[in-house]
Amino acid sequence: MDKDDVIRYFGGSCGFYPHSKNDLGMNLFSIHMPKSVSKVKAIVDDLRSGRKDKHAFWFEVRGRFVYIQYLAVRNKAGEYLGVLEVLQDITDLRALQGKKKEL
């Protein structure tokens, strides 16, 4: 989303949340459930103000382990440009054991 809280980019469906390319151009807070809006606003406020550059969360949903990062996007002068949300299904990563160092 951009500095005005408008969704400008959508990288694809993750299967965990119902967001889609139809959300492009919409206000970030309008696509969240009312009970989560205050939490989303707090995250964005922290990133916008510079108190934080990143918020990360992880939890299980539908038998999968999800890792979500909200990253502040800033220009070279440090001015806030928006937020990048990265959602990853890391279930398989959690199951890794031992080591793999070769192709």
Protein backbone atom coordinates (compact mmCIF):
# COMPACT_ATOMS: atom_id res chain seq x y z
CA MET A 1 0.00 0.00 0.00
CA ASP A 2 1.14 3.53 -0.61
CA LYS A 3 1.70 6.38 1.85
CA ASP A 4 -2.03 7.23 1.69
CA ASP A 5 -3.06 3.69 2.75
CA VAL A 6 -4.25 2.75 -0.74
CA ILE A 7 -3.48 -0.73 -2.05
CA ARG A 8 -1.30 -0.35 -5.14
CA TYR A 9 0.16 -3.81 -5.67
CA PHE A 10 -1.08 -7.36 -5.36
CA GLY A 11 1.32 -10.25 -5.86
CA GLY A 12 -1.15 -13.14 -5.88
CA SER A 13 -3.47 -15.13 -3.69
CA CYS A 14 -2.00 -17.03 -0.78
CA GLY A 15 -5.07 -19.10 -0.01
CA PHE A 16 -5.25 -17.95 3.62
CA TYR A 17 -6.94 -14.59 3.22
CA PRO A 18 -9.59 -13.54 0.71
CA HIS A 19 -7.65 -10.57 -0.69
CA SER A 20 -7.43 -10.30 -4.46
CA LYS A 21 -6.47 -7.96 -7.28
CA ASN A 22 -9.97 -6.50 -6.84
CA ASP A 23 -8.57 -4.77 -3.74
CA LEU A 24 -6.29 -2.58 -5.88
CA GLY A 25 -7.16 1.09 -5.43
CA MET A 26 -9.03 0.43 -2.19
CA ASN A 27 -8.17 1.81 1.24
CA LEU A 28 -6.25 -0.73 3.31
CA PHE A 29 -8.58 -0.44 6.28
CA SER A 30 -11.71 -1.03 4.21
CA ILE A 31 -10.65 -4.58 3.32
CA HIS A 32 -10.09 -5.76 6.89
CA MET A 33 -12.66 -7.12 9.29
CA PRO A 34 -13.83 -4.40 11.71
CA LYS A 35 -12.35 -6.23 14.73
CA SER A 36 -8.84 -6.12 13.21
CA VAL A 37 -8.81 -2.52 11.92
CA SER A 38 -7.42 -1.04 15.14
CA LYS A 39 -4.53 -3.54 15.12
CA VAL A 40 -3.79 -2.82 11.44
CA LYS A 41 -3.87 0.93 12.11
CA ALA A 42 -1.41 0.52 15.01
CA ILE A 43 0.96 -1.44 12.76
CA VAL A 44 0.78 1.18 10.00
CA ASP A 45 1.23 4.02 12.51
CA ASP A 46 4.38 2.38 13.88
CA LEU A 47 5.81 1.96 10.37
CA ARG A 48 4.78 5.41 9.15
CA SER A 49 6.21 7.19 12.19
CA GLY A 50 9.51 5.33 12.06
CA ARG A 51 9.03 3.75 15.51
CA LYS A 52 9.45 0.45 13.71
CA ASP A 53 10.60 -0.69 10.29
CA LYS A 54 9.01 -4.12 10.52
CA HIS A 55 6.25 -6.02 12.30
CA ALA A 56 6.20 -9.83 12.12
CA PHE A 57 3.56 -12.36 13.18
CA TRP A 58 3.32 -16.14 12.96
CA PHE A 59 0.52 -18.59 13.67
CA GLU A 60 -1.17 -21.76 12.49
CA VAL A 61 -4.20 -21.64 10.23
CA ARG A 62 -5.92 -24.60 8.57
CA GLY A 63 -3.03 -26.89 9.44
CA ARG A 64 -0.37 -24.60 7.95
CA PHE A 65 2.18 -22.37 9.70
CA VAL A 66 2.05 -18.79 8.42
CA TYR A 67 4.65 -16.03 8.79
CA ILE A 68 3.55 -12.48 7.97
CA GLN A 69 5.84 -9.45 7.75
CA TYR A 70 4.77 -5.83 7.38
CA LEU A 71 7.76 -3.83 6.13
CA ALA A 72 8.04 -0.04 5.93
CA VAL A 73 9.04 1.17 2.47
CA ARG A 74 11.13 4.33 2.52
CA ASN A 75 13.07 6.30 -0.07
CA LYS A 76 16.80 7.06 0.27
CA ALA A 77 15.99 10.15 2.33
CA GLY A 78 14.05 7.98 4.80
CA GLU A 79 10.63 9.31 3.80
CA TYR A 80 7.78 6.87 4.26
CA LEU A 81 6.36 5.56 0.96
CA GLY A 82 4.09 2.80 2.21
CA VAL A 83 4.01 -0.77 3.50
CA LEU A 84 4.86 -4.08 1.91
CA GLU A 85 3.06 -7.11 3.34
CA VAL A 86 4.79 -10.46 2.85
CA LEU A 87 2.85 -13.59 3.75
CA GLN A 88 4.63 -16.94 3.66
CA ASP A 89 3.52 -20.49 4.31
CA ILE A 90 6.58 -21.76 6.18
CA THR A 91 5.15 -25.11 7.22
CA ASP A 92 7.78 -27.01 5.21
CA LEU A 93 10.59 -24.84 6.60
CA ARG A 94 9.64 -25.71 10.16
CA ALA A 95 9.95 -29.40 9.33
CA LEU A 96 13.53 -29.15 8.04
CA GLN A 97 16.17 -31.14 9.90
CA GLY A 98 19.83 -31.78 9.50
CA LYS A 99 21.53 -29.88 6.70
CA LYS A 100 21.63 -29.51 2.94
CA LYS A 101 24.65 -27.74 1.54
CA GLU A 102 24.77 -29.12 -1.99
CA LEU A 103 22.52 -28.66 -5.02
